[in-house]
Amino acid sequence: MKAGYREVPGFFACDQASRRWLLSPPLSPAPAGGRLLRAPQDFPGRANRLGFAHGAGTGAAVVDTRILWFVLAGFISGTDGFVIGSLLPSISADLGITVGEAGYVPFAYAMVYAIGTPILATLFGNIERRKVLIGAELTFAIGAVLMVLAPTLPLLIAARVVVGLGVGLFAAMALTTAVAMSPPERRGRTIAVVTSGQSLAALAGVPLGAFVVSVYNWRVIFAAIAVLALIAVVGLMWNLPRGVRGEKVTLRERLSVIGLPGIPVALLSTFLFMLAQFTVIIFIAPLAQYAGGLGAQMLPLLLLANGVGAVAGTQLGGRIADRIGARRATILAAAAQLVLLAALAAAGSLPATVGAVALFVIIPAIALTGWGFYMAQSSLISSIVPRSPALALALNLTAMNLGVALAARLGGAILDQAGAFWLAVLPVAAAITALLVASFVLPERKAIA
């Protein structure tokens, strides 16, 4: 580190002349002629703007309030991603297409997210994070506006591709940037706060969106999303520090993790599990009609129950993995998911009232096991590749979105050609395969040197 810089180990390094900030390597020594930046008093009146805050008069670090802008962005993108399933009937009626054909909309988003995100993260990896995050969120907002205006399915799919590019790039950069903006002793809390936006979206944003579309139109949802995304852009412009940069990781380095022992089967199990999980999420409207005769008016309540299960899954998944082991937790979640999906398929043969009641038990339980699986699977993959957990988890996210994409396309085709019963059978078949992979192929939790 050059003289004239101040730094916090593993945090920021600051050029005192230009006040430009770079991500500092962990445990790097203080520069000659400089000193460690330890308290707000080092830059009076600017502590919060430089990426961390302290309790008044106590010196105790707390989560930077600017992190809340990442929470807002996560809430918006989470609502956008999860609410689409409840909008497919409205989209199909508006555009004069089938619900299965409307499945191309989430398919395009998931494919772009899965394939485009690693490429964009490679291209923009060493560019100033503030510029990348603002640009990504602005791209998201523009895509949402284009969705509102799209008069045909091809144009709607093109707009959805724009949304996927913006959301994917933002997600790839947001968490590491937020962590870099926090003092080392508060990074765990920062991660929890940032990721809470997705849980809040499942709990509040998605049911609210389903309610709005039951009263108005699906385009109103994306108009609101566009406005919120633009608000997030302004907040990020005003609050993010300048000069924060990360290391550029080549695409080859990202993909090299696939060849490590244990990773291919772990990614396969994620892919299969998410194929099962998201067939239900994307086509929840026709499945709710099939299993319990529930229409658009009851869908917000069902999605609220789903959100409660999702929040519970995020809270319990990691704890169960820590208690019984990540591999056992993934097997337990896959087995429970299989039972629940089979119950969903069978619910269509029950009287409508009984099926409707059963749905309010099955759907939140599916959400709980699904989010719980993802938490445990993330822990397992991190332990398999302890030296490159970030790259491995990024690939796991790609596998997840490929599963989502196949669920959207294959599920849509089955719904149009064979009906809702066979649509309900699809996730059961995927869950059986996912359980087999998790049970008999996935390695025990151990570190690879």
Protein backbone atom coordinates (compact mmCIF):
# COMPACT_ATOMS: atom_id res chain seq x y z
CA MET A 1 0.00 0.00 0.00
CA LYS A 2 1.36 3.40 -0.93
CA ALA A 3 2.06 6.07 1.63
CA GLY A 4 -0.78 8.51 1.97
CA TYR A 5 -3.36 5.76 2.29
CA ARG A 6 -5.30 4.83 5.39
CA GLU A 7 -6.95 1.45 5.69
CA VAL A 8 -8.91 -0.94 7.82
CA PRO A 9 -7.77 -4.56 7.36
CA GLY A 10 -10.21 -6.34 5.08
CA PHE A 11 -12.21 -3.13 4.68
CA PHE A 12 -11.34 -0.01 2.65
CA ALA A 13 -8.11 1.68 1.76
CA CYS A 14 -8.48 5.44 1.34
CA ASP A 15 -6.26 7.82 -0.61
CA GLN A 16 -6.18 10.84 1.72
CA ALA A 17 -5.70 13.24 -1.18
CA SER A 18 -8.57 12.11 -3.39
CA ARG A 19 -10.67 10.31 -0.77
CA ARG A 20 -11.11 7.44 -3.25
CA TRP A 21 -11.74 4.06 -1.69
CA LEU A 22 -10.57 0.60 -2.73
CA LEU A 23 -11.31 -2.81 -1.26
CA SER A 24 -8.39 -3.54 1.04
CA PRO A 25 -6.84 -7.03 1.25
CA PRO A 26 -7.51 -8.83 4.55
CA LEU A 27 -4.93 -8.20 7.26
CA SER A 28 -2.73 -5.95 5.16
CA PRO A 29 -0.38 -3.83 7.27
CA ALA A 30 -0.85 -0.15 7.90
CA PRO A 31 1.06 1.96 5.36
CA ALA A 32 4.16 3.86 6.25
CA GLY A 33 3.21 7.32 7.32
CA GLY A 34 -0.41 6.28 7.75
CA ARG A 35 -2.52 4.77 10.51
CA LEU A 36 -5.47 2.49 10.79
CA LEU A 37 -8.85 4.13 10.32
CA ARG A 38 -10.66 2.96 13.47
CA ALA A 39 -13.33 5.47 14.42
CA PRO A 40 -15.62 8.15 13.02
CA GLN A 41 -13.33 10.77 14.43
CA ASP A 42 -10.82 9.97 11.67
CA PHE A 43 -13.17 11.74 9.26
CA PRO A 44 -15.42 13.95 11.40
CA GLY A 45 -18.99 14.15 10.19
CA ARG A 46 -18.44 11.63 7.42
CA ALA A 47 -18.29 8.29 9.23
CA ASN A 48 -21.60 7.06 7.90
CA ARG A 49 -20.73 8.05 4.33
CA LEU A 50 -17.44 6.16 4.52
CA GLY A 51 -19.16 2.84 5.03
CA PHE A 52 -19.69 2.23 8.71
CA ALA A 53 -21.33 3.75 11.72
CA HIS A 54 -20.77 3.63 15.46
CA GLY A 55 -23.15 3.83 18.37
CA ALA A 56 -23.23 7.32 19.77
CA GLY A 57 -20.75 7.66 22.59
CA THR A 58 -20.08 3.93 22.80
CA GLY A 59 -17.68 3.18 19.95
CA ALA A 60 -19.68 0.04 19.21
CA ALA A 61 -20.10 -0.65 15.51
CA VAL A 62 -23.59 -1.06 14.07
CA VAL A 63 -24.83 -1.87 10.60
CA ASP A 64 -24.45 1.08 8.25
CA THR A 65 -27.85 2.60 7.55
CA ARG A 66 -26.94 2.84 3.85
CA ILE A 67 -27.16 -0.94 3.71
CA LEU A 68 -30.93 -0.44 3.80
CA TRP A 69 -30.75 0.64 0.15
CA PHE A 70 -29.48 -2.84 -0.67
CA VAL A 71 -32.41 -4.26 1.29
CA LEU A 72 -34.82 -2.13 -0.74
CA ALA A 73 -33.21 -3.27 -3.99
CA GLY A 74 -33.40 -6.90 -2.86
CA PHE A 75 -37.04 -6.48 -1.90
CA ILE A 76 -37.89 -5.02 -5.31
CA SER A 77 -36.03 -7.66 -7.31
CA GLY A 78 -37.37 -10.44 -5.07
CA THR A 79 -40.92 -9.24 -5.55
CA ASP A 80 -40.34 -8.99 -9.28
CA GLY A 81 -38.94 -12.52 -9.47
CA PHE A 82 -41.41 -14.31 -7.21
CA VAL A 83 -44.65 -12.52 -8.12
CA ILE A 84 -44.50 -13.49 -11.78
CA GLY A 85 -46.22 -16.83 -11.17
CA SER A 86 -49.37 -15.17 -9.88
CA LEU A 87 -49.38 -12.83 -12.91
CA LEU A 88 -49.30 -15.44 -15.68
CA PRO A 89 -53.11 -15.79 -15.98
CA SER A 90 -53.47 -12.01 -16.22
CA ILE A 91 -50.64 -11.80 -18.78
CA SER A 92 -52.17 -14.60 -20.86
CA ALA A 93 -55.60 -12.92 -20.87
CA ASP A 94 -54.13 -9.53 -21.72
CA LEU A 95 -51.96 -10.77 -24.60
CA GLY A 96 -54.33 -13.43 -25.89
CA ILE A 97 -52.00 -16.36 -25.23
CA THR A 98 -52.14 -19.49 -23.06
CA VAL A 99 -50.76 -19.61 -19.52
CA GLY A 100 -48.17 -22.08 -20.76
CA GLU A 101 -47.01 -19.63 -23.42
CA ALA A 102 -46.82 -16.92 -20.78
CA GLY A 103 -44.29 -19.21 -19.08
CA TYR A 104 -41.76 -17.96 -21.64
CA VAL A 105 -41.60 -14.75 -19.58
CA PRO A 106 -40.06 -16.32 -16.43
CA PHE A 107 -38.09 -18.70 -18.67
CA ALA A 108 -36.31 -15.80 -20.39
CA TYR A 109 -35.56 -14.12 -17.06
CA ALA A 110 -34.11 -17.26 -15.49
CA MET A 111 -31.97 -18.14 -18.51
CA VAL A 112 -30.50 -14.64 -18.69
CA TYR A 113 -29.90 -14.63 -14.94
CA ALA A 114 -28.21 -18.04 -15.06
CA ILE A 115 -25.98 -17.48 -18.08
CA GLY A 116 -25.67 -13.71 -18.33
CA THR A 117 -24.80 -12.96 -14.72
CA PRO A 118 -21.40 -14.75 -14.66
CA ILE A 119 -20.46 -13.10 -17.96
CA LEU A 120 -21.49 -9.63 -16.80
CA ALA A 121 -19.76 -10.12 -13.44
CA THR A 122 -16.58 -10.98 -15.34
CA LEU A 123 -16.84 -7.98 -17.66
CA PHE A 124 -17.61 -5.46 -14.91
CA GLY A 125 -15.71 -7.07 -12.04
CA ASN A 126 -12.98 -4.44 -11.72
CA ILE A 127 -15.09 -1.39 -12.52
CA GLU A 128 -16.05 0.94 -9.69
CA ARG A 129 -18.84 -0.79 -7.79
CA ARG A 130 -20.89 2.37 -7.37
CA LYS A 131 -21.17 2.80 -11.15
CA VAL A 132 -21.95 -0.88 -11.73
CA LEU A 133 -24.64 -1.08 -9.04
CA ILE A 134 -26.34 2.13 -10.11
CA GLY A 135 -26.20 1.06 -13.75
CA ALA A 136 -27.58 -2.39 -12.96
CA GLU A 137 -30.47 -1.03 -10.90
CA LEU A 138 -31.24 1.53 -13.61
CA THR A 139 -31.26 -1.27 -16.19
CA PHE A 140 -33.74 -3.12 -14.00
CA ALA A 141 -35.99 -0.05 -13.82
CA ILE A 142 -35.85 0.45 -17.61
CA GLY A 143 -36.72 -3.21 -18.15
CA ALA A 144 -39.72 -2.89 -15.84
CA VAL A 145 -40.92 0.16 -17.79
CA LEU A 146 -40.55 -1.78 -21.04
CA MET A 147 -42.63 -4.58 -19.56
CA VAL A 148 -45.41 -2.13 -18.77
CA LEU A 149 -45.38 -0.91 -22.36
CA ALA A 150 -44.90 -4.26 -24.13
CA PRO A 151 -47.91 -4.96 -26.42
CA THR A 152 -46.89 -8.47 -27.53
CA LEU A 153 -45.29 -11.58 -26.05
CA PRO A 154 -41.97 -11.23 -27.96
CA LEU A 155 -41.54 -7.65 -26.76
CA LEU A 156 -42.48 -8.68 -23.23
CA ILE A 157 -39.86 -11.43 -23.34
CA ALA A 158 -37.27 -8.92 -24.61
CA ALA A 159 -38.15 -6.57 -21.74
CA ARG A 160 -37.84 -9.47 -19.30
CA VAL A 161 -34.34 -10.15 -20.64
CA VAL A 162 -33.39 -6.56 -19.80
CA VAL A 163 -34.77 -7.02 -16.28
CA GLY A 164 -32.81 -10.25 -15.85
CA LEU A 165 -29.56 -8.60 -16.92
CA GLY A 166 -30.02 -5.75 -14.44
CA VAL A 167 -31.11 -7.90 -11.50
CA GLY A 168 -28.41 -10.50 -12.11
CA LEU A 169 -25.56 -7.99 -12.28
CA PHE A 170 -26.81 -6.14 -9.21
CA ALA A 171 -27.08 -9.37 -7.22
CA ALA A 172 -23.57 -10.41 -8.26
CA MET A 173 -22.06 -7.19 -6.90
CA ALA A 174 -24.36 -6.10 -4.07
CA LEU A 175 -23.50 -8.49 -1.27
CA THR A 176 -19.72 -8.19 -1.55
CA THR A 177 -19.99 -4.40 -1.77
CA ALA A 178 -22.26 -4.22 1.27
CA VAL A 179 -19.87 -6.47 3.19
CA ALA A 180 -16.97 -4.22 2.21
CA MET A 181 -18.90 -1.25 3.57
CA SER A 182 -19.11 -2.86 7.01
CA PRO A 183 -16.48 -3.27 9.70
CA PRO A 184 -15.22 -6.87 10.01
CA GLU A 185 -17.00 -7.57 13.28
CA ARG A 186 -20.38 -6.69 11.74
CA ARG A 187 -20.16 -8.44 8.39
CA GLY A 188 -22.27 -11.42 9.43
CA ARG A 189 -25.06 -9.09 10.49
CA THR A 190 -24.69 -7.13 7.27
CA ILE A 191 -25.15 -10.31 5.20
CA ALA A 192 -28.30 -11.15 7.16
CA VAL A 193 -29.68 -7.63 6.70
CA VAL A 194 -28.97 -7.52 2.95
CA THR A 195 -30.48 -10.94 2.25
CA SER A 196 -33.56 -10.08 4.31
CA GLY A 197 -34.89 -8.13 1.32
CA GLN A 198 -35.65 -11.40 -0.50
CA SER A 199 -37.48 -12.82 2.51
CA LEU A 200 -39.50 -9.63 2.90
CA ALA A 201 -40.42 -9.86 -0.78
CA ALA A 202 -41.76 -13.39 -0.33
CA LEU A 203 -43.64 -12.42 2.82
CA ALA A 204 -45.08 -9.04 1.81
CA GLY A 205 -44.27 -8.01 -1.76
CA VAL A 206 -45.57 -11.11 -3.54
CA PRO A 207 -48.95 -11.32 -1.73
CA LEU A 208 -49.44 -7.58 -2.20
CA GLY A 209 -48.63 -7.91 -5.89
CA ALA A 210 -51.12 -10.76 -6.27
CA PHE A 211 -53.78 -8.67 -4.55
CA VAL A 212 -53.14 -5.69 -6.83
CA VAL A 213 -53.38 -7.82 -9.97
CA SER A 214 -56.66 -9.31 -8.73
CA VAL A 215 -58.09 -5.78 -8.63
CA TYR A 216 -56.26 -4.03 -11.45
CA ASN A 217 -53.83 -5.35 -14.07
CA TRP A 218 -50.43 -7.02 -14.15
CA ARG A 219 -48.91 -3.91 -15.74
CA VAL A 220 -49.66 -1.92 -12.57
CA ILE A 221 -47.29 -4.25 -10.66
CA PHE A 222 -44.37 -3.54 -12.94
CA ALA A 223 -45.12 0.17 -13.01
CA ALA A 224 -44.80 0.16 -9.21
CA ILE A 225 -41.64 -1.94 -9.43
CA ALA A 226 -40.14 0.55 -11.91
CA VAL A 227 -40.89 3.48 -9.60
CA LEU A 228 -39.37 1.70 -6.59
CA ALA A 229 -36.30 0.73 -8.63
CA LEU A 230 -35.80 4.36 -9.66
CA ILE A 231 -36.06 5.40 -6.00
CA ALA A 232 -33.38 2.81 -5.22
CA VAL A 233 -31.21 4.26 -8.00
CA VAL A 234 -31.41 7.72 -6.44
CA GLY A 235 -30.65 6.31 -3.00
CA LEU A 236 -27.63 4.42 -4.29
CA MET A 237 -26.35 7.49 -6.15
CA TRP A 238 -26.62 9.56 -3.01
CA ASN A 239 -25.16 7.09 -0.55
CA LEU A 240 -22.67 4.67 -2.12
CA PRO A 241 -19.01 5.57 -1.61
CA ARG A 242 -16.93 6.31 -4.68
CA GLY A 243 -13.89 4.37 -5.79
CA VAL A 244 -14.80 0.96 -4.33
CA ARG A 245 -13.49 -1.74 -6.60
CA GLY A 246 -13.30 -5.51 -6.46
CA GLU A 247 -11.04 -8.10 -8.01
CA LYS A 248 -11.79 -9.26 -11.54
CA VAL A 249 -12.33 -13.01 -11.78
CA THR A 250 -12.11 -14.47 -15.27
CA LEU A 251 -14.85 -16.66 -16.68
CA ARG A 252 -12.41 -19.56 -16.80
CA GLU A 253 -11.69 -19.15 -13.10
CA ARG A 254 -15.41 -19.10 -12.36
CA LEU A 255 -16.06 -22.25 -14.35
CA SER A 256 -12.97 -24.09 -13.05
CA VAL A 257 -14.82 -24.81 -9.81
CA ILE A 258 -17.15 -27.17 -11.70
CA GLY A 259 -14.31 -29.68 -12.05
CA LEU A 260 -13.66 -29.97 -8.31
CA PRO A 261 -14.73 -33.24 -6.65
CA GLY A 262 -18.27 -33.14 -5.32
CA ILE A 263 -19.33 -29.95 -7.08
CA PRO A 264 -20.97 -31.41 -10.22
CA VAL A 265 -23.36 -33.63 -8.26
CA ALA A 266 -24.08 -30.85 -5.78
CA LEU A 267 -25.02 -28.54 -8.64
CA LEU A 268 -27.12 -31.31 -10.21
CA SER A 269 -29.06 -31.75 -6.97
CA THR A 270 -29.68 -27.99 -6.81
CA PHE A 271 -30.87 -27.98 -10.42
CA LEU A 272 -33.31 -30.87 -9.88
CA PHE A 273 -34.62 -29.55 -6.58
CA MET A 274 -35.30 -26.11 -8.04
CA LEU A 275 -36.98 -27.65 -11.07
CA ALA A 276 -39.42 -29.23 -8.64
CA GLN A 277 -39.76 -26.19 -6.38
CA PHE A 278 -40.26 -23.57 -9.05
CA THR A 279 -42.74 -25.54 -11.10
CA VAL A 280 -45.06 -24.90 -8.16
CA ILE A 281 -43.99 -21.27 -7.69
CA ILE A 282 -44.28 -20.28 -11.36
CA PHE A 283 -47.56 -22.10 -12.00
CA ILE A 284 -49.09 -21.61 -8.59
CA ALA A 285 -52.26 -20.09 -10.09
CA PRO A 286 -53.30 -23.10 -12.24
CA LEU A 287 -52.11 -25.54 -9.57
CA ALA A 288 -54.19 -23.76 -6.91
CA GLN A 289 -57.20 -23.97 -9.21
CA TYR A 290 -56.53 -27.67 -9.87
CA ALA A 291 -55.90 -28.74 -6.27
CA GLY A 292 -58.39 -26.56 -4.39
CA GLY A 293 -60.50 -24.59 -6.83
CA LEU A 294 -58.86 -21.35 -5.69
CA GLY A 295 -59.24 -18.35 -7.97
CA ALA A 296 -57.44 -15.04 -8.21
CA GLN A 297 -59.20 -13.62 -5.14
CA MET A 298 -57.74 -16.27 -2.82
CA LEU A 299 -54.28 -16.30 -4.37
CA PRO A 300 -52.90 -13.41 -2.25
CA LEU A 301 -53.74 -15.29 0.95
CA LEU A 302 -52.10 -18.45 -0.38
CA LEU A 303 -49.00 -16.49 -1.34
CA LEU A 304 -48.94 -14.90 2.11
CA ALA A 305 -48.88 -18.40 3.60
CA ASN A 306 -46.11 -19.23 1.14
CA GLY A 307 -44.15 -16.19 2.34
CA VAL A 308 -44.46 -17.26 5.97
CA GLY A 309 -43.04 -20.65 5.02
CA ALA A 310 -40.21 -19.00 3.07
CA VAL A 311 -39.18 -16.83 6.01
CA ALA A 312 -39.30 -19.82 8.34
CA GLY A 313 -37.18 -21.83 5.90
CA THR A 314 -34.47 -19.18 5.74
CA GLN A 315 -34.33 -19.07 9.53
CA LEU A 316 -34.40 -22.81 10.13
CA GLY A 317 -32.40 -24.13 7.17
CA GLY A 318 -29.00 -22.94 8.36
CA ARG A 319 -29.66 -23.88 11.97
CA ILE A 320 -30.72 -27.41 11.09
CA ALA A 321 -27.68 -27.77 8.83
CA ASP A 322 -25.42 -26.69 11.67
CA ARG A 323 -27.08 -29.12 14.07
CA ILE A 324 -27.38 -32.31 12.03
CA GLY A 325 -24.94 -31.60 9.20
CA ALA A 326 -25.54 -29.93 5.84
CA ARG A 327 -25.72 -33.17 3.86
CA ARG A 328 -28.33 -34.69 6.16
CA ALA A 329 -30.28 -31.44 6.11
CA THR A 330 -30.42 -31.42 2.30
CA ILE A 331 -31.57 -35.05 2.24
CA LEU A 332 -34.22 -34.32 4.87
CA ALA A 333 -35.46 -31.30 2.90
CA ALA A 334 -35.54 -33.27 -0.37
CA ALA A 335 -37.48 -36.14 1.24
CA ALA A 336 -39.98 -33.75 2.84
CA GLN A 337 -40.37 -31.90 -0.44
CA LEU A 338 -41.14 -35.13 -2.27
CA VAL A 339 -43.90 -36.01 0.20
CA LEU A 340 -45.41 -32.52 -0.03
CA LEU A 341 -45.35 -32.43 -3.82
CA ALA A 342 -47.00 -35.84 -3.98
CA ALA A 343 -49.67 -34.53 -1.62
CA LEU A 344 -50.17 -31.52 -3.91
CA ALA A 345 -50.64 -33.80 -6.92
CA ALA A 346 -53.12 -35.94 -4.98
CA ALA A 347 -55.08 -32.93 -3.69
CA GLY A 348 -56.80 -32.56 -7.02
CA SER A 349 -58.77 -35.75 -6.35
CA LEU A 350 -60.14 -34.40 -3.07
CA PRO A 351 -63.35 -32.39 -2.64
CA ALA A 352 -62.69 -28.75 -3.45
CA THR A 353 -63.09 -27.55 0.14
CA VAL A 354 -60.74 -30.19 1.51
CA GLY A 355 -58.24 -29.49 -1.26
CA ALA A 356 -58.33 -25.76 -0.55
CA VAL A 357 -57.63 -26.31 3.14
CA ALA A 358 -54.85 -28.74 2.26
CA LEU A 359 -53.25 -26.13 0.00
CA PHE A 360 -52.83 -23.73 2.91
CA VAL A 361 -50.78 -26.41 4.64
CA ILE A 362 -48.90 -27.83 1.66
CA ILE A 363 -47.82 -24.59 -0.04
CA PRO A 364 -46.13 -22.96 3.00
CA ALA A 365 -44.55 -26.31 3.86
CA ILE A 366 -43.12 -26.53 0.32
CA ALA A 367 -41.73 -23.02 0.73
CA LEU A 368 -40.21 -23.91 4.11
CA THR A 369 -38.45 -27.01 2.80
CA GLY A 370 -37.39 -25.25 -0.39
CA TRP A 371 -35.73 -22.29 1.29
CA GLY A 372 -34.37 -24.59 3.98
CA PHE A 373 -32.80 -26.79 1.31
CA TYR A 374 -31.13 -23.80 -0.32
CA MET A 375 -29.65 -22.63 2.98
CA ALA A 376 -28.31 -26.10 3.79
CA GLN A 377 -27.08 -26.66 0.24
CA SER A 378 -25.18 -23.37 0.34
CA SER A 379 -23.52 -24.47 3.57
CA LEU A 380 -22.66 -27.86 2.08
CA ILE A 381 -21.15 -26.41 -1.08
CA SER A 382 -19.12 -23.91 0.95
CA SER A 383 -17.65 -26.78 2.96
CA ILE A 384 -16.84 -28.82 -0.15
CA VAL A 385 -14.80 -25.95 -1.62
CA PRO A 386 -13.55 -23.96 1.37
CA ARG A 387 -10.97 -22.08 -0.69
CA SER A 388 -13.41 -20.82 -3.32
CA PRO A 389 -16.82 -20.68 -1.62
CA ALA A 390 -17.93 -17.51 -3.41
CA LEU A 391 -17.28 -19.00 -6.86
CA ALA A 392 -18.95 -22.27 -5.91
CA LEU A 393 -22.02 -20.49 -4.54
CA ALA A 394 -22.24 -18.38 -7.70
CA LEU A 395 -22.34 -21.59 -9.74
CA ASN A 396 -24.98 -22.93 -7.37
CA LEU A 397 -27.09 -19.86 -8.14
CA THR A 398 -26.61 -20.54 -11.86
CA ALA A 399 -27.76 -24.14 -11.36
CA MET A 400 -30.77 -22.87 -9.45
CA ASN A 401 -31.82 -20.52 -12.24
CA LEU A 402 -31.34 -23.19 -14.89
CA GLY A 403 -33.77 -25.30 -12.88
CA VAL A 404 -36.17 -22.35 -12.77
CA ALA A 405 -35.87 -21.90 -16.53
CA LEU A 406 -36.64 -25.56 -17.25
CA ALA A 407 -39.57 -25.44 -14.82
CA ALA A 408 -41.02 -22.48 -16.71
CA ARG A 409 -40.60 -23.95 -20.19
CA LEU A 410 -41.31 -27.62 -19.51
CA GLY A 411 -44.11 -26.79 -17.07
CA GLY A 412 -45.74 -24.45 -19.57
CA ALA A 413 -45.61 -27.05 -22.33
CA ILE A 414 -47.09 -29.75 -20.08
CA LEU A 415 -49.84 -27.43 -18.87
CA ASP A 416 -50.89 -26.57 -22.43
CA GLN A 417 -50.58 -30.07 -23.85
CA ALA A 418 -51.58 -32.38 -20.97
CA GLY A 419 -53.29 -30.30 -18.27
CA ALA A 420 -52.83 -29.35 -14.63
CA PHE A 421 -52.64 -32.92 -13.27
CA TRP A 422 -49.53 -33.76 -15.29
CA LEU A 423 -48.13 -30.35 -14.42
CA ALA A 424 -48.43 -31.41 -10.76
CA VAL A 425 -46.70 -34.71 -11.57
CA LEU A 426 -43.64 -32.96 -13.06
CA PRO A 427 -42.26 -31.65 -9.73
CA VAL A 428 -42.84 -35.04 -8.13
CA ALA A 429 -40.66 -36.71 -10.76
CA ALA A 430 -37.99 -34.02 -10.35
CA ALA A 431 -38.11 -34.35 -6.56
CA ILE A 432 -37.60 -38.13 -6.74
CA THR A 433 -34.50 -37.64 -8.85
CA ALA A 434 -33.23 -34.83 -6.60
CA LEU A 435 -33.60 -37.06 -3.55
CA LEU A 436 -31.70 -39.88 -5.24
CA VAL A 437 -28.86 -37.56 -6.15
CA ALA A 438 -28.71 -36.03 -2.69
CA SER A 439 -28.88 -39.41 -0.95
CA PHE A 440 -26.57 -41.59 -2.96
CA VAL A 441 -24.24 -39.32 -4.90
CA LEU A 442 -23.63 -36.18 -2.90
CA PRO A 443 -20.39 -36.49 -0.87
CA GLU A 444 -20.17 -36.21 2.88
CA ARG A 445 -19.39 -32.80 4.28
CA LYS A 446 -15.64 -32.50 4.10
CA ALA A 447 -13.10 -29.98 2.95
CA ILE A 448 -11.04 -30.53 -0.17
CA ALA A 449 -7.52 -29.26 0.05
